[in-house]
Amino acid sequence: MSYVESLLGRGEQILYVARQHIFVLIMNILTELTLIGILVAAGVASNLAFRNNSTAMIGGISISDLILLICLVISIIVLISGFLDFLRWNSEQIVITDRRVLQIRGVFNKRVIDSSLEKINDIELRQSIIGRIFNFGTIEILTASGAEGANVMDRIEAPLEFKRALLEAKHNLERGYGYLEADGYIPSRPISSVTEIQRTLEELARLRDRGILSPEEFEAKKRDLLSRI
């Protein structure tokens, strides 16, 4: 069982999974590689500059060798930082279920931010020109008044698809299409009128087409709904 699956409640279904765009990871790694290049170049230049000065010694080590060693150590630290950036990018996820939005952060120590769909008030999407070109953007979810109620998902991949999936999940929850139990799709409120049953069937058909409902579950619920007419 994955860490995400261990967070799910009984019958809770995952609808969409996103993470930060790979552009963010690439930019971080390029910055760190550039820094490593500058450090190595500085170390080599200082080594050449002090090579002929054999009297410049610190603790039995020439200044040129000491500067080169310091640059190499810092370069290794930056390289490790780049590897950790990859681990963080790979482990952090943003998951939309049929009940909430989960922001999972951390490589070893995990931090999970949980936003209930029914408490989401507004969704703000911000995309720069570069973000539109490479298909990433920032989503801010407002769950209460004030900044303390805002959850920010910085530079995630495919933000338009993420926002669309989030709005659809919230809409389905508000319409009463709650979650799947073991015996099929269970609406969270009673259905009585013919028009409402028709709308429910249409929603269930869309869920079946998206693979959330199996054909057998759809047919079972369809028979149950039609028996009420």
C-alpha atoms as a PDB file:
ATOM      1  CA  MET A   1       0.000   0.000   0.000  1.00  0.00           C
ATOM      2  CA  SER A   2       1.353   3.419  -0.986  1.00  0.00           C
ATOM      3  CA  TYR A   3       1.470   6.351   1.441  1.00  0.00           C
ATOM      4  CA  VAL A   4      -1.387   8.076  -0.426  1.00  0.00           C
ATOM      5  CA  GLU A   5      -3.611   5.006  -0.186  1.00  0.00           C
ATOM      6  CA  SER A   6      -2.983   4.784   3.556  1.00  0.00           C
ATOM      7  CA  LEU A   7      -4.511   8.275   3.946  1.00  0.00           C
ATOM      8  CA  LEU A   8      -7.806   7.400   2.259  1.00  0.00           C
ATOM      9  CA  GLY A   9     -10.993   6.758   4.166  1.00  0.00           C
ATOM     10  CA  ARG A  10     -13.345   3.864   3.570  1.00  0.00           C
ATOM     11  CA  GLY A  11     -14.740   4.063   0.057  1.00  0.00           C
ATOM     12  CA  GLU A  12     -12.774   7.241  -0.752  1.00  0.00           C
ATOM     13  CA  GLN A  13     -11.705   7.427  -4.386  1.00  0.00           C
ATOM     14  CA  ILE A  14      -8.718   9.202  -5.984  1.00  0.00           C
ATOM     15  CA  LEU A  15      -9.859  11.381  -8.893  1.00  0.00           C
ATOM     16  CA  TYR A  16      -6.706  13.268  -9.895  1.00  0.00           C
ATOM     17  CA  VAL A  17      -3.011  13.302  -8.954  1.00  0.00           C
ATOM     18  CA  ALA A  18      -0.607  16.174  -9.702  1.00  0.00           C
ATOM     19  CA  ARG A  19       2.822  17.381  -8.651  1.00  0.00           C
ATOM     20  CA  GLN A  20       5.097  20.310  -9.336  1.00  0.00           C
ATOM     21  CA  HIS A  21       6.022  20.659 -12.989  1.00  0.00           C
ATOM     22  CA  ILE A  22       9.338  19.098 -13.987  1.00  0.00           C
ATOM     23  CA  PHE A  23      10.365  22.569 -15.208  1.00  0.00           C
ATOM     24  CA  VAL A  24      10.770  23.566 -11.541  1.00  0.00           C
ATOM     25  CA  LEU A  25      13.070  20.607 -10.883  1.00  0.00           C
ATOM     26  CA  ILE A  26      15.119  21.292 -14.013  1.00  0.00           C
ATOM     27  CA  MET A  27      15.585  24.973 -13.121  1.00  0.00           C
ATOM     28  CA  ASN A  28      16.722  24.088  -9.587  1.00  0.00           C
ATOM     29  CA  ILE A  29      19.207  21.509 -10.870  1.00  0.00           C
ATOM     30  CA  LEU A  30      20.542  23.865 -13.575  1.00  0.00           C
ATOM     31  CA  THR A  31      21.084  26.556 -10.945  1.00  0.00           C
ATOM     32  CA  GLU A  32      22.984  24.112  -8.738  1.00  0.00           C
ATOM     33  CA  LEU A  33      25.070  22.823 -11.654  1.00  0.00           C
ATOM     34  CA  THR A  34      25.946  26.409 -12.587  1.00  0.00           C
ATOM     35  CA  LEU A  35      27.036  27.060  -9.003  1.00  0.00           C
ATOM     36  CA  ILE A  36      29.172  23.914  -9.053  1.00  0.00           C
ATOM     37  CA  GLY A  37      30.793  25.054 -12.298  1.00  0.00           C
ATOM     38  CA  ILE A  38      31.597  28.458 -10.820  1.00  0.00           C
ATOM     39  CA  LEU A  39      33.074  26.876  -7.676  1.00  0.00           C
ATOM     40  CA  VAL A  40      35.243  24.450  -9.634  1.00  0.00           C
ATOM     41  CA  ALA A  41      36.457  27.246 -11.920  1.00  0.00           C
ATOM     42  CA  ALA A  42      37.245  29.436  -8.894  1.00  0.00           C
ATOM     43  CA  GLY A  43      39.141  26.579  -7.257  1.00  0.00           C
ATOM     44  CA  VAL A  44      41.211  25.867 -10.355  1.00  0.00           C
ATOM     45  CA  ALA A  45      41.943  29.566 -10.893  1.00  0.00           C
ATOM     46  CA  SER A  46      43.058  30.047  -7.294  1.00  0.00           C
ATOM     47  CA  ASN A  47      45.198  26.924  -7.491  1.00  0.00           C
ATOM     48  CA  LEU A  48      46.975  28.265 -10.529  1.00  0.00           C
ATOM     49  CA  ALA A  49      47.370  31.711  -8.963  1.00  0.00           C
ATOM     50  CA  PHE A  50      48.987  30.433  -5.766  1.00  0.00           C
ATOM     51  CA  ARG A  51      50.860  27.486  -7.262  1.00  0.00           C
ATOM     52  CA  ASN A  52      54.194  29.309  -7.487  1.00  0.00           C
ATOM     53  CA  ASN A  53      53.891  30.723  -3.959  1.00  0.00           C
ATOM     54  CA  SER A  54      55.264  27.792  -1.978  1.00  0.00           C
ATOM     55  CA  THR A  55      55.613  29.865   1.233  1.00  0.00           C
ATOM     56  CA  ALA A  56      51.845  30.443   1.563  1.00  0.00           C
ATOM     57  CA  MET A  57      50.900  27.605   3.882  1.00  0.00           C
ATOM     58  CA  ILE A  58      48.059  27.045   6.365  1.00  0.00           C
ATOM     59  CA  GLY A  59      48.341  24.056   8.675  1.00  0.00           C
ATOM     60  CA  GLY A  60      50.809  22.375   6.376  1.00  0.00           C
ATOM     61  CA  ILE A  61      48.547  22.810   3.336  1.00  0.00           C
ATOM     62  CA  SER A  62      49.241  25.353   0.642  1.00  0.00           C
ATOM     63  CA  ILE A  63      46.672  28.090   0.174  1.00  0.00           C
ATOM     64  CA  SER A  64      46.044  26.994  -3.433  1.00  0.00           C
ATOM     65  CA  ASP A  65      45.265  23.421  -2.386  1.00  0.00           C
ATOM     66  CA  LEU A  66      43.122  24.628   0.520  1.00  0.00           C
ATOM     67  CA  ILE A  67      41.012  26.867  -1.685  1.00  0.00           C
ATOM     68  CA  LEU A  68      40.592  24.068  -4.229  1.00  0.00           C
ATOM     69  CA  LEU A  69      39.579  21.641  -1.472  1.00  0.00           C
ATOM     70  CA  ILE A  70      37.015  24.088  -0.050  1.00  0.00           C
ATOM     71  CA  CYS A  71      35.487  24.609  -3.502  1.00  0.00           C
ATOM     72  CA  LEU A  72      35.260  20.861  -4.075  1.00  0.00           C
ATOM     73  CA  VAL A  73      33.585  20.292  -0.687  1.00  0.00           C
ATOM     74  CA  ILE A  74      31.025  23.027  -1.356  1.00  0.00           C
ATOM     75  CA  SER A  75      30.421  21.544  -4.819  1.00  0.00           C
ATOM     76  CA  ILE A  76      29.698  18.136  -3.294  1.00  0.00           C
ATOM     77  CA  ILE A  77      27.247  19.727  -0.840  1.00  0.00           C
ATOM     78  CA  VAL A  78      25.462  21.496  -3.720  1.00  0.00           C
ATOM     79  CA  LEU A  79      25.359  18.203  -5.653  1.00  0.00           C
ATOM     80  CA  ILE A  80      23.727  16.474  -2.683  1.00  0.00           C
ATOM     81  CA  SER A  81      21.253  19.358  -2.487  1.00  0.00           C
ATOM     82  CA  GLY A  82      20.326  18.712  -6.132  1.00  0.00           C
ATOM     83  CA  PHE A  83      19.676  15.045  -5.370  1.00  0.00           C
ATOM     84  CA  LEU A  84      17.454  16.031  -2.438  1.00  0.00           C
ATOM     85  CA  ASP A  85      15.567  18.410  -4.749  1.00  0.00           C
ATOM     86  CA  PHE A  86      14.784  15.435  -6.978  1.00  0.00           C
ATOM     87  CA  LEU A  87      13.623  13.324  -4.024  1.00  0.00           C
ATOM     88  CA  ARG A  88      11.349  16.153  -2.813  1.00  0.00           C
ATOM     89  CA  TRP A  89       9.907  16.666  -6.294  1.00  0.00           C
ATOM     90  CA  ASN A  90       9.292  12.950  -6.719  1.00  0.00           C
ATOM     91  CA  SER A  91       7.648  12.445  -3.301  1.00  0.00           C
ATOM     92  CA  GLU A  92       5.439  15.539  -3.087  1.00  0.00           C
ATOM     93  CA  GLN A  93       1.963  15.061  -4.521  1.00  0.00           C
ATOM     94  CA  ILE A  94      -1.356  16.874  -4.719  1.00  0.00           C
ATOM     95  CA  VAL A  95      -4.289  14.465  -4.731  1.00  0.00           C
ATOM     96  CA  ILE A  96      -7.955  15.215  -5.425  1.00  0.00           C
ATOM     97  CA  THR A  97     -10.377  12.657  -4.045  1.00  0.00           C
ATOM     98  CA  ASP A  98     -14.161  12.649  -4.056  1.00  0.00           C
ATOM     99  CA  ARG A  99     -14.057  14.218  -0.565  1.00  0.00           C
ATOM    100  CA  ARG A 100     -10.976  16.441  -0.232  1.00  0.00           C
ATOM    101  CA  VAL A 101      -7.683  17.745  -1.577  1.00  0.00           C
ATOM    102  CA  LEU A 102      -4.493  16.302  -0.067  1.00  0.00           C
ATOM    103  CA  GLN A 103      -1.120  18.071  -0.272  1.00  0.00           C
ATOM    104  CA  ILE A 104       1.595  15.574   0.612  1.00  0.00           C
ATOM    105  CA  ARG A 105       5.062  16.972   1.289  1.00  0.00           C
ATOM    106  CA  GLY A 106       8.358  15.655   2.617  1.00  0.00           C
ATOM    107  CA  VAL A 107      10.759  12.867   1.715  1.00  0.00           C
ATOM    108  CA  PHE A 108      11.217  11.139   5.077  1.00  0.00           C
ATOM    109  CA  ASN A 109       9.139  13.286   7.431  1.00  0.00           C
ATOM    110  CA  LYS A 110       5.722  13.659   5.860  1.00  0.00           C
ATOM    111  CA  ARG A 111       3.394  16.666   6.099  1.00  0.00           C
ATOM    112  CA  VAL A 112      -0.179  16.380   4.817  1.00  0.00           C
ATOM    113  CA  ILE A 113      -2.494  19.369   4.295  1.00  0.00           C
ATOM    114  CA  ASP A 114      -6.123  18.328   4.022  1.00  0.00           C
ATOM    115  CA  SER A 115      -8.759  20.598   2.423  1.00  0.00           C
ATOM    116  CA  SER A 116     -12.349  19.351   2.475  1.00  0.00           C
ATOM    117  CA  LEU A 117     -14.153  19.917  -0.839  1.00  0.00           C
ATOM    118  CA  GLU A 118     -17.273  21.217   0.876  1.00  0.00           C
ATOM    119  CA  LYS A 119     -15.260  23.918   2.679  1.00  0.00           C
ATOM    120  CA  ILE A 120     -13.542  25.274  -0.444  1.00  0.00           C
ATOM    121  CA  ASN A 121     -14.828  28.782  -1.153  1.00  0.00           C
ATOM    122  CA  ASP A 122     -12.705  29.953  -4.085  1.00  0.00           C
ATOM    123  CA  ILE A 123     -10.012  28.637  -6.430  1.00  0.00           C
ATOM    124  CA  GLU A 124      -7.472  31.055  -7.908  1.00  0.00           C
ATOM    125  CA  LEU A 125      -5.226  30.150 -10.854  1.00  0.00           C
ATOM    126  CA  ARG A 126      -2.080  32.161 -11.659  1.00  0.00           C
ATOM    127  CA  GLN A 127      -0.046  31.521 -14.817  1.00  0.00           C
ATOM    128  CA  SER A 128       2.844  33.543 -16.197  1.00  0.00           C
ATOM    129  CA  ILE A 129       3.728  33.601 -19.892  1.00  0.00           C
ATOM    130  CA  ILE A 130       6.442  31.002 -19.226  1.00  0.00           C
ATOM    131  CA  GLY A 131       3.906  28.948 -17.296  1.00  0.00           C
ATOM    132  CA  ARG A 132       1.480  29.008 -20.207  1.00  0.00           C
ATOM    133  CA  ILE A 133       4.240  27.914 -22.602  1.00  0.00           C
ATOM    134  CA  PHE A 134       5.404  25.021 -20.431  1.00  0.00           C
ATOM    135  CA  ASN A 135       1.943  24.268 -18.968  1.00  0.00           C
ATOM    136  CA  PHE A 136       2.451  24.986 -15.285  1.00  0.00           C
ATOM    137  CA  GLY A 137       0.883  27.435 -12.848  1.00  0.00           C
ATOM    138  CA  THR A 138       0.026  28.184  -9.231  1.00  0.00           C
ATOM    139  CA  ILE A 139      -3.305  27.171  -7.711  1.00  0.00           C
ATOM    140  CA  GLU A 140      -4.537  28.816  -4.517  1.00  0.00           C
ATOM    141  CA  ILE A 141      -7.439  27.230  -2.665  1.00  0.00           C
ATOM    142  CA  LEU A 142      -9.336  29.458  -0.233  1.00  0.00           C
ATOM    143  CA  THR A 143     -11.121  27.475   2.451  1.00  0.00           C
ATOM    144  CA  ALA A 144     -11.855  30.340   4.872  1.00  0.00           C
ATOM    145  CA  SER A 145     -11.668  34.128   5.094  1.00  0.00           C
ATOM    146  CA  GLY A 146      -8.179  35.521   5.406  1.00  0.00           C
ATOM    147  CA  ALA A 147      -4.746  34.341   4.312  1.00  0.00           C
ATOM    148  CA  GLU A 148      -4.598  31.634   6.973  1.00  0.00           C
ATOM    149  CA  GLY A 149      -7.295  29.762   5.114  1.00  0.00           C
ATOM    150  CA  ALA A 150      -5.358  29.637   1.824  1.00  0.00           C
ATOM    151  CA  ASN A 151      -3.561  26.547   0.516  1.00  0.00           C
ATOM    152  CA  VAL A 152      -1.062  27.328  -2.233  1.00  0.00           C
ATOM    153  CA  MET A 153       0.119  24.739  -4.766  1.00  0.00           C
ATOM    154  CA  ASP A 154       3.115  26.336  -6.429  1.00  0.00           C
ATOM    155  CA  ARG A 155       3.872  25.764 -10.132  1.00  0.00           C
ATOM    156  CA  ILE A 156       2.025  22.480 -10.546  1.00  0.00           C
ATOM    157  CA  GLU A 157       1.775  20.671 -13.861  1.00  0.00           C
ATOM    158  CA  ALA A 158      -1.350  21.054 -16.036  1.00  0.00           C
ATOM    159  CA  PRO A 159      -3.061  23.605 -13.732  1.00  0.00           C
ATOM    160  CA  LEU A 160      -6.126  23.995 -15.959  1.00  0.00           C
ATOM    161  CA  GLU A 161      -6.810  20.250 -15.843  1.00  0.00           C
ATOM    162  CA  PHE A 162      -6.236  20.279 -12.085  1.00  0.00           C
ATOM    163  CA  LYS A 163      -8.685  23.144 -11.557  1.00  0.00           C
ATOM    164  CA  ARG A 164     -11.250  21.483 -13.811  1.00  0.00           C
ATOM    165  CA  ALA A 165     -10.967  18.196 -11.895  1.00  0.00           C
ATOM    166  CA  LEU A 166     -11.269  20.037  -8.576  1.00  0.00           C
ATOM    167  CA  LEU A 167     -14.364  21.975  -9.652  1.00  0.00           C
ATOM    168  CA  GLU A 168     -15.961  18.804 -10.997  1.00  0.00           C
ATOM    169  CA  ALA A 169     -15.277  16.938  -7.756  1.00  0.00           C
ATOM    170  CA  LYS A 170     -16.755  19.797  -5.714  1.00  0.00           C
ATOM    171  CA  HIS A 171     -19.778  19.983  -8.012  1.00  0.00           C
ATOM    172  CA  ASN A 172     -20.437  16.246  -7.714  1.00  0.00           C
ATOM    173  CA  LEU A 173     -20.164  16.439  -3.931  1.00  0.00           C
ATOM    174  CA  GLU A 174     -22.616  19.357  -3.778  1.00  0.00           C
ATOM    175  CA  ARG A 175     -25.032  17.506  -6.070  1.00  0.00           C
ATOM    176  CA  GLY A 176     -24.982  14.592  -3.651  1.00  0.00           C
ATOM    177  CA  TYR A 177     -22.695  12.175  -5.452  1.00  0.00           C
ATOM    178  CA  GLY A 178     -20.645  11.155  -2.489  1.00  0.00           C
ATOM    179  CA  TYR A 179     -18.404   8.130  -2.754  1.00  0.00           C
ATOM    180  CA  LEU A 180     -18.270   4.456  -3.634  1.00  0.00           C
ATOM    181  CA  GLU A 181     -19.022   1.781  -1.108  1.00  0.00           C
ATOM    182  CA  ALA A 182     -18.268  -1.871  -1.706  1.00  0.00           C
ATOM    183  CA  ASP A 183     -21.660  -2.528  -3.300  1.00  0.00           C
ATOM    184  CA  GLY A 184     -21.692   0.472  -5.676  1.00  0.00           C
ATOM    185  CA  TYR A 185     -22.118   4.188  -5.928  1.00  0.00           C
ATOM    186  CA  ILE A 186     -24.024   5.670  -2.994  1.00  0.00           C
ATOM    187  CA  PRO A 187     -25.436   9.197  -3.234  1.00  0.00           C
ATOM    188  CA  SER A 188     -25.187  11.197  -0.017  1.00  0.00           C
ATOM    189  CA  ARG A 189     -28.844  12.282  -0.072  1.00  0.00           C
ATOM    190  CA  PRO A 190     -32.121  10.597  -1.098  1.00  0.00           C
ATOM    191  CA  ILE A 191     -33.309  10.771  -4.718  1.00  0.00           C
ATOM    192  CA  SER A 192     -37.014  10.928  -5.440  1.00  0.00           C
ATOM    193  CA  SER A 193     -38.142  12.808  -8.563  1.00  0.00           C
ATOM    194  CA  VAL A 194     -37.858  11.425 -12.106  1.00  0.00           C
ATOM    195  CA  THR A 195     -35.830  14.450 -13.209  1.00  0.00           C
ATOM    196  CA  GLU A 196     -33.382  13.998 -10.374  1.00  0.00           C
ATOM    197  CA  ILE A 197     -33.037  10.289 -11.144  1.00  0.00           C
ATOM    198  CA  GLN A 198     -32.289  11.159 -14.775  1.00  0.00           C
ATOM    199  CA  ARG A 199     -29.594  13.629 -13.722  1.00  0.00           C
ATOM    200  CA  THR A 200     -28.142  11.014 -11.394  1.00  0.00           C
ATOM    201  CA  LEU A 201     -27.954   8.469 -14.204  1.00  0.00           C
ATOM    202  CA  GLU A 202     -26.180  10.987 -16.418  1.00  0.00           C
ATOM    203  CA  GLU A 203     -23.625  11.696 -13.687  1.00  0.00           C
ATOM    204  CA  LEU A 204     -23.117   7.984 -13.089  1.00  0.00           C
ATOM    205  CA  ALA A 205     -22.595   7.436 -16.820  1.00  0.00           C
ATOM    206  CA  ARG A 206     -19.885  10.101 -16.841  1.00  0.00           C
ATOM    207  CA  LEU A 207     -18.199   8.433 -13.869  1.00  0.00           C
ATOM    208  CA  ARG A 208     -18.372   5.097 -15.667  1.00  0.00           C
ATOM    209  CA  ASP A 209     -16.827   6.610 -18.800  1.00  0.00           C
ATOM    210  CA  ARG A 210     -13.983   8.043 -16.701  1.00  0.00           C
ATOM    211  CA  GLY A 211     -13.325   4.628 -15.155  1.00  0.00           C
ATOM    212  CA  ILE A 212     -14.347   5.596 -11.621  1.00  0.00           C
ATOM    213  CA  LEU A 213     -17.349   3.246 -11.810  1.00  0.00           C
ATOM    214  CA  SER A 214     -17.108  -0.220 -13.308  1.00  0.00           C
ATOM    215  CA  PRO A 215     -19.809  -1.220 -15.849  1.00  0.00           C
ATOM    216  CA  GLU A 216     -21.196  -3.709 -13.315  1.00  0.00           C
ATOM    217  CA  GLU A 217     -21.479  -1.045 -10.594  1.00  0.00           C
ATOM    218  CA  PHE A 218     -23.144   1.326 -13.058  1.00  0.00           C
ATOM    219  CA  GLU A 219     -25.714  -1.260 -14.145  1.00  0.00           C
ATOM    220  CA  ALA A 220     -26.486  -2.221 -10.550  1.00  0.00           C
ATOM    221  CA  LYS A 221     -27.103   1.368  -9.539  1.00  0.00           C
ATOM    222  CA  LYS A 222     -29.048   2.052 -12.719  1.00  0.00           C
ATOM    223  CA  ARG A 223     -31.452  -0.807 -11.932  1.00  0.00           C
ATOM    224  CA  ASP A 224     -31.836   0.488  -8.377  1.00  0.00           C
ATOM    225  CA  LEU A 225     -32.654   4.016  -9.566  1.00  0.00           C
ATOM    226  CA  LEU A 226     -35.069   2.913 -12.301  1.00  0.00           C
ATOM    227  CA  SER A 227     -36.953   0.767  -9.807  1.00  0.00           C
ATOM    228  CA  ARG A 228     -37.937   3.995  -7.982  1.00  0.00           C
ATOM    229  CA  ILE A 229     -39.825   5.439 -10.964  1.00  0.00           C
END
